[in-house]
C-alpha cells in the first residue's frame, strides 16, 4: 500500500469527503499521529485509508478552514438537491 503525506492545499474533494465521513464530529488529539519529518519538525496528522493509499493529512489551521468551507458547500448542495 502506498503511503502519502498530504498538506491541506493538495486535498481533493474525495479526500475531504473521507475526512468528513471518518471524523463527522471532528478529530481530537487521540486521532492524531505525531512524527518528525526530515527537517526534524514535529508534524501532526490524521490517517485516511483508501483501497490503494494510506494518507497522512497534516493538521493545520488552513485544514480546519478548508474543511469548514467544504462542509458548508456540501450542505448547500445537499439542500438544493433535496428540496
Protein backbone atom coordinates (compact mmCIF):
# COMPACT_ATOMS: atom_id res chain seq x y z
CA UNK A 1 0.00 0.00 0.00
CA UNK A 2 1.27 3.45 -0.91
CA UNK A 3 1.67 5.95 1.97
CA UNK A 4 1.27 9.62 1.16
CA UNK A 5 1.70 12.70 3.36
CA UNK A 6 -0.71 15.40 2.20
CA UNK A 7 -0.93 19.07 3.08
CA UNK A 8 -4.25 20.96 3.04
CA UNK A 9 -3.67 22.66 -0.32
CA UNK A 10 -3.28 19.26 -2.05
CA UNK A 11 -6.53 17.76 -0.77
CA UNK A 12 -9.04 16.59 -3.31
CA UNK A 13 -12.81 16.70 -2.73
CA UNK A 14 -12.70 12.89 -2.39
CA UNK A 15 -10.19 13.07 0.47
CA UNK A 16 -12.22 15.82 2.13
CA UNK A 17 -15.30 13.56 1.96
CA UNK A 18 -13.32 10.72 3.54
CA UNK A 19 -12.24 13.02 6.37
CA UNK A 20 -15.83 14.17 6.86
CA UNK A 21 -17.06 10.56 6.95
CA UNK A 22 -14.34 9.27 9.27
CA UNK A 23 -14.50 12.24 11.66
CA UNK A 24 -18.10 13.54 11.49
CA UNK A 25 -17.76 15.24 14.89
CA UNK A 26 -14.22 16.44 14.19
CA UNK A 27 -10.93 14.92 15.25
CA UNK A 28 -9.17 15.09 18.59
CA UNK A 29 -5.62 14.67 19.85
CA UNK A 30 -6.32 10.94 20.24
CA UNK A 31 -6.93 10.68 16.47
CA UNK A 32 -3.63 12.32 15.55
CA UNK A 33 -0.35 10.73 14.63
CA UNK A 34 2.71 12.74 15.68
CA UNK A 35 6.07 12.30 13.94
CA UNK A 36 9.22 14.16 12.91
CA UNK A 37 9.83 14.94 9.25
CA UNK A 38 13.21 15.02 7.51
CA UNK A 39 13.72 18.61 8.72
CA UNK A 40 13.20 17.40 12.31
CA UNK A 41 9.92 19.35 12.53
CA UNK A 42 7.09 17.86 14.56
CA UNK A 43 4.14 17.01 12.32
CA UNK A 44 0.61 16.19 13.47
CA UNK A 45 -1.60 14.31 11.03
CA UNK A 46 -4.76 12.25 10.77
CA UNK A 47 -4.84 8.98 8.88
CA UNK A 48 -7.21 8.35 5.98
CA UNK A 49 -7.12 4.96 4.27
CA UNK A 50 -8.39 4.02 0.81
CA UNK A 51 -8.04 0.76 -1.11
CA UNK A 52 -4.76 1.82 -2.70
CA UNK A 53 -3.32 4.52 -0.47
CA UNK A 54 -2.83 5.43 3.15
CA UNK A 55 -2.93 9.22 3.58
CA UNK A 56 -1.46 11.18 6.46
CA UNK A 57 -3.19 14.55 6.27
CA UNK A 58 -1.23 17.26 8.05
CA UNK A 59 -3.20 19.11 10.68
CA UNK A 60 -3.12 22.88 10.36
CA UNK A 61 -5.30 25.94 10.79
CA UNK A 62 -5.74 26.01 7.00
CA UNK A 63 -7.05 22.43 7.02
CA UNK A 64 -9.73 23.42 9.52
CA UNK A 65 -10.76 26.37 7.35
CA UNK A 66 -10.82 24.23 4.19
CA UNK A 67 -12.92 21.55 5.90
CA UNK A 68 -15.39 24.14 7.18
CA UNK A 69 -15.72 25.63 3.67
CA UNK A 70 -16.16 22.16 2.17
CA UNK A 71 -18.84 21.25 4.71
CA UNK A 72 -20.73 24.49 4.03
CA UNK A 73 -20.69 23.88 0.27
CA UNK A 74 -21.68 20.25 0.80
CA UNK A 75 -24.63 21.30 2.98
CA UNK A 76 -25.76 23.89 0.42
CA UNK A 77 -25.55 21.34 -2.41
CA UNK A 78 -27.50 18.82 -0.32
CA UNK A 79 -30.22 21.36 0.46
CA UNK A 80 -30.51 22.38 -3.20
CA UNK A 81 -30.80 18.77 -4.36
CA UNK A 82 -33.05 17.64 -1.51
CA UNK A 83 -35.64 20.40 -1.67
